[in-house]
Amino acid sequence: MFDSEELLGVAETSSSAEQTQFTRLFLENQRRVYYFIASIVPHWVDAEEIFQQTSLTLWERWEQFDGDRDFAHWAFGIAVNHVRNHVRKKQHHQIAVQEQLLTHLAAYHAEQQSLFDDLHENLRGCLDKLPANQRHILSCFYDEEASPMQIARAEGKTSNAIYKLLKKIRQTLYECLTKNVAEWRLS
């Protein structure tokens, strides 16, 4: 993957607002594009190569990107073309992937990504509803990867209390997400 700070620094100092926006979108979506490619191509070395080719094409064509379109969907389309080229080159070693299947996979992945983005946004809303101390405990556990024992020491609590608090927080988040998804489906 590409270094976010380095690319943003280059884009902000040497380019237009459109290229800076493109750089941000690229950085936000590069993992999605890579995982999409890796979900189609069986070998990680090939997936890496196709991702690099796709990234290069995205950068070469950044001026063609319509900011009103979904960046990930546009990038998936370019990735599909690189996968097609890869399959043609390696056809004697692999079973040919049908064009229709690739197109379907790209559309499905974009649809699932949209659903994932909605769930992620709902999760952020649920996290915002938690008290500050609970958000802090979650941040220590998930972001800083601290163990419950380490958190307990830092917070002056027992590790058992931290385990119970984490369970309570997860249950609260689950209930909030379930409620939000139910409301989202009704609307």
N, C-alpha and C. Protein backbone atom coordinates (compact mmCIF):
# COMPACT_ATOMS: atom_id res chain seq x y z
N MET A 1 0.84 -1.17 0.00
CA MET A 1 0.00 0.00 0.00
C MET A 1 0.89 1.24 0.00
N PHE A 2 0.29 2.36 -0.32
CA PHE A 2 1.05 3.59 -0.43
C PHE A 2 0.99 4.37 0.87
N ASP A 3 2.05 5.10 1.17
CA ASP A 3 2.14 5.90 2.38
C ASP A 3 1.25 7.13 2.28
N SER A 4 0.27 7.22 3.15
CA SER A 4 -0.74 8.28 3.09
C SER A 4 -0.14 9.66 3.23
N GLU A 5 0.69 9.86 4.24
CA GLU A 5 1.24 11.18 4.49
C GLU A 5 2.12 11.66 3.34
N GLU A 6 2.92 10.77 2.81
CA GLU A 6 3.81 11.14 1.71
C GLU A 6 3.03 11.54 0.47
N LEU A 7 2.03 10.72 0.10
CA LEU A 7 1.23 11.04 -1.09
C LEU A 7 0.43 12.32 -0.91
N LEU A 8 -0.17 12.49 0.27
CA LEU A 8 -0.94 13.71 0.50
C LEU A 8 -0.04 14.94 0.47
N GLY A 9 1.17 14.81 1.03
CA GLY A 9 2.11 15.93 1.02
C GLY A 9 2.50 16.32 -0.38
N VAL A 10 2.79 15.35 -1.21
CA VAL A 10 3.15 15.63 -2.61
C VAL A 10 1.97 16.25 -3.34
N ALA A 11 0.77 15.69 -3.13
CA ALA A 11 -0.42 16.19 -3.83
C ALA A 11 -0.75 17.62 -3.41
N GLU A 12 -0.61 17.93 -2.13
CA GLU A 12 -0.98 19.26 -1.65
C GLU A 12 0.01 20.33 -2.08
N THR A 13 1.29 19.97 -2.25
CA THR A 13 2.28 20.97 -2.59
C THR A 13 2.45 21.17 -4.09
N SER A 14 2.10 20.17 -4.86
CA SER A 14 2.42 20.26 -6.29
C SER A 14 1.23 20.09 -7.22
N SER A 15 0.02 20.19 -6.73
CA SER A 15 -1.09 19.90 -7.63
C SER A 15 -2.32 20.73 -7.32
N SER A 16 -3.31 20.50 -8.14
CA SER A 16 -4.57 21.21 -8.03
C SER A 16 -5.43 20.62 -6.92
N ALA A 17 -6.51 21.31 -6.61
CA ALA A 17 -7.47 20.82 -5.61
C ALA A 17 -8.07 19.49 -6.06
N GLU A 18 -8.29 19.36 -7.39
CA GLU A 18 -8.86 18.11 -7.90
C GLU A 18 -7.91 16.94 -7.68
N GLN A 19 -6.62 17.18 -7.89
CA GLN A 19 -5.66 16.08 -7.70
C GLN A 19 -5.51 15.76 -6.22
N THR A 20 -5.58 16.77 -5.36
CA THR A 20 -5.52 16.52 -3.92
C THR A 20 -6.73 15.69 -3.49
N GLN A 21 -7.91 16.02 -4.01
CA GLN A 21 -9.11 15.24 -3.71
C GLN A 21 -8.97 13.82 -4.24
N PHE A 22 -8.44 13.69 -5.46
CA PHE A 22 -8.21 12.36 -6.03
C PHE A 22 -7.27 11.56 -5.13
N THR A 23 -6.21 12.20 -4.65
CA THR A 23 -5.24 11.52 -3.78
C THR A 23 -5.92 11.03 -2.52
N ARG A 24 -6.76 11.86 -1.93
CA ARG A 24 -7.49 11.44 -0.72
C ARG A 24 -8.39 10.24 -1.01
N LEU A 25 -9.13 10.30 -2.11
CA LEU A 25 -10.01 9.19 -2.47
C LEU A 25 -9.20 7.91 -2.73
N PHE A 26 -8.08 8.07 -3.40
CA PHE A 26 -7.23 6.91 -3.67
C PHE A 26 -6.77 6.27 -2.36
N LEU A 27 -6.29 7.09 -1.44
CA LEU A 27 -5.80 6.58 -0.17
C LEU A 27 -6.91 5.93 0.65
N GLU A 28 -8.10 6.52 0.63
CA GLU A 28 -9.22 5.96 1.37
C GLU A 28 -9.68 4.62 0.79
N ASN A 29 -9.47 4.41 -0.50
CA ASN A 29 -10.00 3.22 -1.17
C ASN A 29 -8.97 2.19 -1.58
N GLN A 30 -7.68 2.44 -1.35
CA GLN A 30 -6.66 1.52 -1.87
C GLN A 30 -6.79 0.12 -1.28
N ARG A 31 -7.12 -0.01 -0.01
CA ARG A 31 -7.29 -1.34 0.57
C ARG A 31 -8.48 -2.07 -0.05
N ARG A 32 -9.57 -1.33 -0.28
CA ARG A 32 -10.75 -1.94 -0.90
C ARG A 32 -10.41 -2.48 -2.28
N VAL A 33 -9.66 -1.70 -3.05
CA VAL A 33 -9.28 -2.12 -4.40
C VAL A 33 -8.39 -3.36 -4.32
N TYR A 34 -7.42 -3.32 -3.41
CA TYR A 34 -6.52 -4.48 -3.27
C TYR A 34 -7.32 -5.73 -2.86
N TYR A 35 -8.19 -5.60 -1.87
CA TYR A 35 -8.97 -6.76 -1.41
C TYR A 35 -9.90 -7.26 -2.50
N PHE A 36 -10.44 -6.36 -3.30
CA PHE A 36 -11.28 -6.78 -4.43
C PHE A 36 -10.45 -7.64 -5.38
N ILE A 37 -9.26 -7.16 -5.74
CA ILE A 37 -8.39 -7.91 -6.66
C ILE A 37 -8.03 -9.25 -6.03
N ALA A 38 -7.66 -9.23 -4.77
CA ALA A 38 -7.26 -10.46 -4.08
C ALA A 38 -8.41 -11.45 -3.98
N SER A 39 -9.65 -10.96 -4.00
CA SER A 39 -10.79 -11.87 -3.93
C SER A 39 -11.03 -12.59 -5.25
N ILE A 40 -10.44 -12.09 -6.33
CA ILE A 40 -10.63 -12.69 -7.65
C ILE A 40 -9.42 -13.51 -8.06
N VAL A 41 -8.24 -13.01 -7.75
CA VAL A 41 -6.99 -13.63 -8.19
C VAL A 41 -6.49 -14.57 -7.10
N PRO A 42 -6.24 -15.83 -7.42
CA PRO A 42 -5.91 -16.80 -6.37
C PRO A 42 -4.52 -16.64 -5.74
N HIS A 43 -3.59 -16.03 -6.42
CA HIS A 43 -2.22 -15.94 -5.90
C HIS A 43 -1.92 -14.51 -5.47
N TRP A 44 -1.42 -14.36 -4.25
CA TRP A 44 -1.20 -13.00 -3.72
C TRP A 44 -0.15 -12.24 -4.51
N VAL A 45 0.83 -12.94 -5.09
CA VAL A 45 1.85 -12.26 -5.89
C VAL A 45 1.20 -11.62 -7.12
N ASP A 46 0.31 -12.36 -7.75
CA ASP A 46 -0.41 -11.83 -8.91
C ASP A 46 -1.32 -10.67 -8.49
N ALA A 47 -1.98 -10.83 -7.34
CA ALA A 47 -2.85 -9.76 -6.84
C ALA A 47 -2.05 -8.48 -6.59
N GLU A 48 -0.86 -8.62 -6.02
CA GLU A 48 0.01 -7.46 -5.78
C GLU A 48 0.37 -6.78 -7.11
N GLU A 49 0.76 -7.59 -8.09
CA GLU A 49 1.14 -7.04 -9.39
C GLU A 49 -0.04 -6.32 -10.05
N ILE A 50 -1.20 -6.93 -10.01
CA ILE A 50 -2.39 -6.32 -10.61
C ILE A 50 -2.78 -5.06 -9.85
N PHE A 51 -2.63 -5.08 -8.53
CA PHE A 51 -2.92 -3.87 -7.75
C PHE A 51 -1.98 -2.73 -8.16
N GLN A 52 -0.70 -3.03 -8.34
CA GLN A 52 0.25 -2.00 -8.76
C GLN A 52 -0.12 -1.46 -10.14
N GLN A 53 -0.47 -2.34 -11.06
CA GLN A 53 -0.88 -1.91 -12.40
C GLN A 53 -2.15 -1.06 -12.33
N THR A 54 -3.09 -1.49 -11.52
CA THR A 54 -4.35 -0.75 -11.35
C THR A 54 -4.07 0.64 -10.76
N SER A 55 -3.22 0.69 -9.75
CA SER A 55 -2.88 1.97 -9.12
C SER A 55 -2.24 2.91 -10.12
N LEU A 56 -1.33 2.37 -10.92
CA LEU A 56 -0.67 3.19 -11.93
C LEU A 56 -1.69 3.73 -12.93
N THR A 57 -2.59 2.89 -13.37
CA THR A 57 -3.63 3.32 -14.31
C THR A 57 -4.52 4.39 -13.68
N LEU A 58 -4.89 4.19 -12.42
CA LEU A 58 -5.71 5.20 -11.73
C LEU A 58 -5.00 6.55 -11.72
N TRP A 59 -3.71 6.54 -11.42
CA TRP A 59 -2.95 7.79 -11.38
C TRP A 59 -2.81 8.39 -12.78
N GLU A 60 -2.64 7.54 -13.78
CA GLU A 60 -2.51 8.05 -15.14
C GLU A 60 -3.82 8.67 -15.64
N ARG A 61 -4.93 8.16 -15.13
CA ARG A 61 -6.24 8.61 -15.60
C ARG A 61 -6.98 9.47 -14.58
N TRP A 62 -6.31 10.01 -13.59
CA TRP A 62 -7.00 10.74 -12.52
C TRP A 62 -7.83 11.89 -13.05
N GLU A 63 -7.39 12.50 -14.14
CA GLU A 63 -8.14 13.63 -14.69
C GLU A 63 -9.47 13.18 -15.31
N GLN A 64 -9.59 11.90 -15.66
CA GLN A 64 -10.82 11.37 -16.24
C GLN A 64 -11.86 11.02 -15.18
N PHE A 65 -11.46 11.00 -13.91
CA PHE A 65 -12.38 10.62 -12.85
C PHE A 65 -13.41 11.73 -12.63
N ASP A 66 -14.68 11.32 -12.62
CA ASP A 66 -15.78 12.24 -12.36
C ASP A 66 -16.06 12.21 -10.86
N GLY A 67 -15.83 13.32 -10.19
CA GLY A 67 -15.98 13.41 -8.75
C GLY A 67 -17.38 13.10 -8.24
N ASP A 68 -18.37 13.09 -9.13
CA ASP A 68 -19.75 12.77 -8.73
C ASP A 68 -19.98 11.26 -8.68
N ARG A 69 -19.05 10.48 -9.25
CA ARG A 69 -19.17 9.02 -9.25
C ARG A 69 -18.52 8.44 -8.00
N ASP A 70 -18.84 7.20 -7.72
CA ASP A 70 -18.22 6.48 -6.61
C ASP A 70 -16.82 6.05 -7.03
N PHE A 71 -15.82 6.50 -6.29
CA PHE A 71 -14.44 6.22 -6.65
C PHE A 71 -14.15 4.71 -6.67
N ALA A 72 -14.61 4.01 -5.62
CA ALA A 72 -14.34 2.57 -5.54
C ALA A 72 -14.91 1.83 -6.74
N HIS A 73 -16.11 2.16 -7.15
CA HIS A 73 -16.73 1.50 -8.30
C HIS A 73 -15.90 1.76 -9.56
N TRP A 74 -15.44 3.00 -9.75
CA TRP A 74 -14.59 3.34 -10.90
C TRP A 74 -13.29 2.54 -10.84
N ALA A 75 -12.68 2.48 -9.67
CA ALA A 75 -11.42 1.76 -9.52
C ALA A 75 -11.61 0.25 -9.74
N PHE A 76 -12.75 -0.30 -9.27
CA PHE A 76 -13.03 -1.72 -9.49
C PHE A 76 -13.11 -2.02 -10.98
N GLY A 77 -13.71 -1.11 -11.75
CA GLY A 77 -13.81 -1.30 -13.20
C GLY A 77 -12.44 -1.37 -13.85
N ILE A 78 -11.55 -0.50 -13.43
CA ILE A 78 -10.18 -0.52 -13.95
C ILE A 78 -9.47 -1.80 -13.51
N ALA A 79 -9.69 -2.19 -12.27
CA ALA A 79 -9.07 -3.43 -11.76
C ALA A 79 -9.55 -4.64 -12.55
N VAL A 80 -10.85 -4.68 -12.87
CA VAL A 80 -11.39 -5.79 -13.65
C VAL A 80 -10.68 -5.89 -14.99
N ASN A 81 -10.42 -4.77 -15.63
CA ASN A 81 -9.71 -4.81 -16.91
C ASN A 81 -8.31 -5.37 -16.74
N HIS A 82 -7.63 -5.00 -15.67
CA HIS A 82 -6.29 -5.56 -15.43
C HIS A 82 -6.35 -7.05 -15.12
N VAL A 83 -7.39 -7.47 -14.39
CA VAL A 83 -7.56 -8.91 -14.11
C VAL A 83 -7.80 -9.65 -15.42
N ARG A 84 -8.63 -9.09 -16.29
CA ARG A 84 -8.88 -9.72 -17.60
C ARG A 84 -7.58 -9.88 -18.38
N ASN A 85 -6.76 -8.83 -18.42
CA ASN A 85 -5.49 -8.91 -19.12
C ASN A 85 -4.58 -9.97 -18.49
N HIS A 86 -4.58 -10.02 -17.18
CA HIS A 86 -3.77 -11.02 -16.47
C HIS A 86 -4.22 -12.44 -16.82
N VAL A 87 -5.54 -12.65 -16.84
CA VAL A 87 -6.07 -13.98 -17.15
C VAL A 87 -5.72 -14.37 -18.58
N ARG A 88 -5.81 -13.41 -19.50
CA ARG A 88 -5.45 -13.72 -20.89
C ARG A 88 -4.00 -14.16 -21.00
N LYS A 89 -3.12 -13.46 -20.28
CA LYS A 89 -1.69 -13.80 -20.32
C LYS A 89 -1.42 -15.17 -19.71
N LYS A 90 -2.15 -15.51 -18.66
CA LYS A 90 -1.89 -16.75 -17.93
C LYS A 90 -2.90 -17.84 -18.25
N GLN A 91 -3.63 -17.66 -19.31
CA GLN A 91 -4.74 -18.56 -19.61
C GLN A 91 -4.30 -20.02 -19.71
N HIS A 92 -3.12 -20.27 -20.19
CA HIS A 92 -2.69 -21.66 -20.32
C HIS A 92 -2.37 -22.29 -18.96
N HIS A 93 -2.24 -21.47 -17.90
CA HIS A 93 -1.96 -21.99 -16.56
C HIS A 93 -3.21 -22.02 -15.67
N GLN A 94 -4.19 -21.26 -16.02
CA GLN A 94 -5.36 -21.14 -15.16
C GLN A 94 -6.64 -21.32 -15.97
N ILE A 95 -7.69 -21.64 -15.26
CA ILE A 95 -9.00 -21.70 -15.90
C ILE A 95 -9.43 -20.27 -16.21
N ALA A 96 -9.88 -20.03 -17.40
CA ALA A 96 -10.28 -18.68 -17.79
C ALA A 96 -11.50 -18.24 -17.00
N VAL A 97 -11.43 -17.04 -16.49
CA VAL A 97 -12.55 -16.47 -15.76
C VAL A 97 -13.46 -15.79 -16.77
N GLN A 98 -14.71 -16.13 -16.74
CA GLN A 98 -15.64 -15.58 -17.72
C GLN A 98 -15.86 -14.09 -17.47
N GLU A 99 -15.96 -13.38 -18.57
CA GLU A 99 -16.14 -11.93 -18.51
C GLU A 99 -17.36 -11.56 -17.67
N GLN A 100 -18.44 -12.27 -17.85
CA GLN A 100 -19.66 -11.97 -17.12
C GLN A 100 -19.45 -12.14 -15.62
N LEU A 101 -18.71 -13.15 -15.22
CA LEU A 101 -18.45 -13.38 -13.80
C LEU A 101 -17.64 -12.23 -13.21
N LEU A 102 -16.63 -11.78 -13.93
CA LEU A 102 -15.83 -10.65 -13.45
C LEU A 102 -16.68 -9.40 -13.29
N THR A 103 -17.51 -9.13 -14.25
CA THR A 103 -18.38 -7.96 -14.18
C THR A 103 -19.33 -8.10 -13.00
N HIS A 104 -19.90 -9.29 -12.81
CA HIS A 104 -20.79 -9.53 -11.69
C HIS A 104 -20.06 -9.37 -10.37
N LEU A 105 -18.86 -9.89 -10.26
CA LEU A 105 -18.08 -9.77 -9.03
C LEU A 105 -17.78 -8.31 -8.71
N ALA A 106 -17.45 -7.53 -9.71
CA ALA A 106 -17.17 -6.10 -9.49
C ALA A 106 -18.40 -5.39 -8.97
N ALA A 107 -19.55 -5.65 -9.57
CA ALA A 107 -20.80 -5.02 -9.13
C ALA A 107 -21.17 -5.47 -7.72
N TYR A 108 -21.04 -6.76 -7.47
CA TYR A 108 -21.36 -7.30 -6.15
C TYR A 108 -20.45 -6.70 -5.08
N HIS A 109 -19.17 -6.64 -5.38
CA HIS A 109 -18.21 -6.09 -4.41
C HIS A 109 -18.51 -4.62 -4.13
N ALA A 110 -18.85 -3.86 -5.14
CA ALA A 110 -19.19 -2.44 -4.95
C ALA A 110 -20.45 -2.32 -4.09
N GLU A 111 -21.43 -3.19 -4.33
CA GLU A 111 -22.67 -3.18 -3.55
C GLU A 111 -22.38 -3.53 -2.09
N GLN A 112 -21.58 -4.56 -1.88
CA GLN A 112 -21.23 -4.97 -0.52
C GLN A 112 -20.42 -3.89 0.18
N GLN A 113 -19.56 -3.21 -0.57
CA GLN A 113 -18.76 -2.14 0.01
C GLN A 113 -19.66 -1.00 0.47
N SER A 114 -20.69 -0.71 -0.30
CA SER A 114 -21.64 0.32 0.07
C SER A 114 -22.35 -0.06 1.36
N LEU A 115 -22.76 -1.32 1.48
CA LEU A 115 -23.40 -1.81 2.70
C LEU A 115 -22.43 -1.72 3.87
N PHE A 116 -21.19 -2.13 3.65
CA PHE A 116 -20.16 -2.06 4.69
C PHE A 116 -19.96 -0.62 5.14
N ASP A 117 -19.93 0.31 4.18
CA ASP A 117 -19.75 1.73 4.52
C ASP A 117 -20.92 2.23 5.38
N ASP A 118 -22.15 1.82 5.04
CA ASP A 118 -23.32 2.20 5.83
C ASP A 118 -23.22 1.63 7.25
N LEU A 119 -22.83 0.37 7.36
CA LEU A 119 -22.69 -0.24 8.69
C LEU A 119 -21.59 0.45 9.49
N HIS A 120 -20.51 0.78 8.82
CA HIS A 120 -19.40 1.46 9.48
C HIS A 120 -19.84 2.83 10.00
N GLU A 121 -20.61 3.54 9.20
CA GLU A 121 -21.13 4.85 9.61
C GLU A 121 -22.07 4.69 10.81
N ASN A 122 -22.92 3.67 10.78
CA ASN A 122 -23.80 3.40 11.92
C ASN A 122 -23.01 3.05 13.17
N LEU A 123 -21.95 2.27 13.00
CA LEU A 123 -21.11 1.92 14.14
C LEU A 123 -20.48 3.17 14.75
N ARG A 124 -20.01 4.07 13.90
CA ARG A 124 -19.44 5.33 14.41
C ARG A 124 -20.47 6.09 15.23
N GLY A 125 -21.71 6.14 14.73
CA GLY A 125 -22.78 6.81 15.47
C GLY A 125 -23.02 6.15 16.82
N CYS A 126 -23.00 4.82 16.84
CA CYS A 126 -23.19 4.09 18.09
C CYS A 126 -22.03 4.34 19.05
N LEU A 127 -20.82 4.37 18.51
CA LEU A 127 -19.65 4.65 19.34
C LEU A 127 -19.74 6.05 19.95
N ASP A 128 -20.23 7.01 19.17
CA ASP A 128 -20.36 8.38 19.67
C ASP A 128 -21.35 8.47 20.83
N LYS A 129 -22.30 7.55 20.89
CA LYS A 129 -23.30 7.56 21.97
C LYS A 129 -22.74 7.00 23.28
N LEU A 130 -21.62 6.27 23.20
CA LEU A 130 -21.04 5.70 24.41
C LEU A 130 -20.43 6.79 25.29
N PRO A 131 -20.43 6.58 26.61
CA PRO A 131 -19.74 7.52 27.49
C PRO A 131 -18.24 7.55 27.16
N ALA A 132 -17.60 8.65 27.45
CA ALA A 132 -16.18 8.85 27.11
C ALA A 132 -15.29 7.76 27.70
N ASN A 133 -15.56 7.36 28.94
CA ASN A 133 -14.71 6.34 29.56
C ASN A 133 -14.80 5.00 28.83
N GLN A 134 -16.00 4.66 28.31
CA GLN A 134 -16.15 3.42 27.57
C GLN A 134 -15.45 3.50 26.21
N ARG A 135 -15.54 4.65 25.55
CA ARG A 135 -14.82 4.83 24.28
C ARG A 135 -13.32 4.71 24.52
N HIS A 136 -12.85 5.25 25.64
CA HIS A 136 -11.43 5.17 25.98
C HIS A 136 -10.99 3.71 26.15
N ILE A 137 -11.79 2.92 26.86
CA ILE A 137 -11.47 1.50 27.08
C ILE A 137 -11.42 0.77 25.73
N LEU A 138 -12.40 1.03 24.85
CA LEU A 138 -12.40 0.41 23.53
C LEU A 138 -11.17 0.81 22.72
N SER A 139 -10.81 2.07 22.79
CA SER A 139 -9.64 2.56 22.06
C SER A 139 -8.38 1.86 22.55
N CYS A 140 -8.26 1.74 23.86
CA CYS A 140 -7.08 1.04 24.42
C CYS A 140 -7.04 -0.41 23.92
N PHE A 141 -8.20 -1.07 23.95
CA PHE A 141 -8.24 -2.49 23.59
C PHE A 141 -8.05 -2.73 22.10
N TYR A 142 -8.76 -1.97 21.25
CA TYR A 142 -8.73 -2.24 19.81
C TYR A 142 -7.67 -1.41 19.07
N ASP A 143 -7.56 -0.12 19.36
CA ASP A 143 -6.61 0.72 18.63
C ASP A 143 -5.18 0.51 19.11
N GLU A 144 -5.01 0.50 20.43
CA GLU A 144 -3.67 0.36 20.99
C GLU A 144 -3.30 -1.09 21.25
N GLU A 145 -4.27 -1.99 21.07
CA GLU A 145 -4.09 -3.43 21.25
C GLU A 145 -3.56 -3.77 22.64
N ALA A 146 -4.03 -3.04 23.64
CA ALA A 146 -3.66 -3.33 25.02
C ALA A 146 -4.50 -4.50 25.52
N SER A 147 -3.91 -5.32 26.36
CA SER A 147 -4.66 -6.45 26.93
C SER A 147 -5.56 -5.94 28.05
N PRO A 148 -6.59 -6.71 28.40
CA PRO A 148 -7.43 -6.32 29.53
C PRO A 148 -6.61 -6.12 30.81
N MET A 149 -5.57 -6.91 30.99
CA MET A 149 -4.71 -6.78 32.16
C MET A 149 -4.00 -5.42 32.14
N GLN A 150 -3.48 -5.02 30.98
CA GLN A 150 -2.80 -3.73 30.86
C GLN A 150 -3.77 -2.57 31.09
N ILE A 151 -4.97 -2.69 30.54
CA ILE A 151 -5.97 -1.65 30.72
C ILE A 151 -6.36 -1.56 32.20
N ALA A 152 -6.52 -2.72 32.84
CA ALA A 152 -6.90 -2.75 34.25
C ALA A 152 -5.86 -2.02 35.10
N ARG A 153 -4.60 -2.28 34.85
CA ARG A 153 -3.53 -1.60 35.59
C ARG A 153 -3.61 -0.09 35.39
N ALA A 154 -3.78 0.32 34.13
CA ALA A 154 -3.80 1.75 33.82
C ALA A 154 -5.03 2.44 34.41
N GLU A 155 -6.15 1.73 34.50
CA GLU A 155 -7.40 2.31 34.98
C GLU A 155 -7.62 2.08 36.47
N GLY A 156 -6.75 1.30 37.11
CA GLY A 156 -6.91 1.02 38.53
C GLY A 156 -8.09 0.10 38.81
N LYS A 157 -8.32 -0.85 37.91
CA LYS A 157 -9.43 -1.80 38.06
C LYS A 157 -8.88 -3.21 37.93
N THR A 158 -9.73 -4.19 38.19
CA THR A 158 -9.31 -5.58 38.01
C THR A 158 -9.50 -5.95 36.53
N SER A 159 -8.75 -6.95 36.10
CA SER A 159 -8.90 -7.40 34.72
C SER A 159 -10.30 -7.98 34.50
N ASN A 160 -10.86 -8.61 35.52
CA ASN A 160 -12.21 -9.14 35.43
C ASN A 160 -13.22 -8.01 35.18
N ALA A 161 -13.01 -6.89 35.84
CA ALA A 161 -13.91 -5.73 35.64
C ALA A 161 -13.81 -5.22 34.21
N ILE A 162 -12.60 -5.24 33.64
CA ILE A 162 -12.41 -4.79 32.26
C ILE A 162 -13.07 -5.76 31.29
N TYR A 163 -12.92 -7.07 31.53
CA TYR A 163 -13.60 -8.06 30.68
C TYR A 163 -15.11 -7.84 30.70
N LYS A 164 -15.67 -7.63 31.88
CA LYS A 164 -17.12 -7.41 32.01
C LYS A 164 -17.54 -6.12 31.32
N LEU A 165 -16.73 -5.07 31.47
CA LEU A 165 -17.04 -3.80 30.82
C LEU A 165 -16.99 -3.93 29.31
N LEU A 166 -15.98 -4.63 28.78
CA LEU A 166 -15.89 -4.85 27.34
C LEU A 166 -17.11 -5.62 26.83
N LYS A 167 -17.54 -6.62 27.59
CA LYS A 167 -18.71 -7.40 27.21
C LYS A 167 -19.95 -6.49 27.18
N LYS A 168 -20.09 -5.65 28.18
CA LYS A 168 -21.23 -4.72 28.25
C LYS A 168 -21.19 -3.74 27.08
N ILE A 169 -20.02 -3.22 26.78
CA ILE A 169 -19.88 -2.26 25.67
C ILE A 169 -20.24 -2.93 24.34
N ARG A 170 -19.73 -4.12 24.13
CA ARG A 170 -20.04 -4.86 22.89
C ARG A 170 -21.54 -5.11 22.76
N GLN A 171 -22.17 -5.46 23.87
CA GLN A 171 -23.62 -5.72 23.85
C GLN A 171 -24.37 -4.43 23.52
N THR A 172 -23.94 -3.32 24.11
CA THR A 172 -24.57 -2.03 23.84
C THR A 172 -24.42 -1.67 22.37
N LEU A 173 -23.23 -1.86 21.81
CA LEU A 173 -22.99 -1.56 20.41
C LEU A 173 -23.82 -2.47 19.50
N TYR A 174 -23.90 -3.75 19.86
CA TYR A 174 -24.70 -4.69 19.09
C TYR A 174 -26.17 -4.26 19.05
N GLU A 175 -26.70 -3.90 20.21
CA GLU A 175 -28.10 -3.48 20.27
C GLU A 175 -28.33 -2.19 19.48
N CYS A 176 -27.39 -1.26 19.57
CA CYS A 176 -27.50 0.00 18.82
C CYS A 176 -27.47 -0.27 17.32
N LEU A 177 -26.53 -1.09 16.87
CA LEU A 177 -26.43 -1.42 15.44
C LEU A 177 -27.68 -2.15 14.95
N THR A 178 -28.14 -3.10 15.74
CA THR A 178 -29.34 -3.86 15.37
C THR A 178 -30.52 -2.92 15.19
N LYS A 179 -30.68 -1.99 16.13
CA LYS A 179 -31.77 -1.01 16.05
C LYS A 179 -31.61 -0.13 14.81
N ASN A 180 -30.40 0.36 14.56
CA ASN A 180 -30.16 1.23 13.41
C ASN A 180 -30.41 0.51 12.09
N VAL A 181 -29.97 -0.74 12.00
CA VAL A 181 -30.16 -1.51 10.76
C VAL A 181 -31.65 -1.77 10.54
N ALA A 182 -32.37 -2.07 11.61
CA ALA A 182 -33.81 -2.29 11.47
C ALA A 182 -34.51 -1.02 10.99
N GLU A 183 -34.12 0.13 11.54
CA GLU A 183 -34.70 1.41 11.10
C GLU A 183 -34.30 1.72 9.67
N TRP A 184 -33.06 1.40 9.32
CA TRP A 184 -32.54 1.66 7.97
C TRP A 184 -33.31 0.84 6.94
N ARG A 185 -33.60 -0.43 7.27
CA ARG A 185 -34.34 -1.29 6.35
C ARG A 185 -35.78 -0.84 6.17
N LEU A 186 -36.36 -0.24 7.21
CA LEU A 186 -37.75 0.22 7.13
C LEU A 186 -37.87 1.49 6.29
N SER A 187 -36.79 2.27 6.25
CA SER A 187 -36.86 3.55 5.50
C SER A 187 -36.63 3.39 4.04
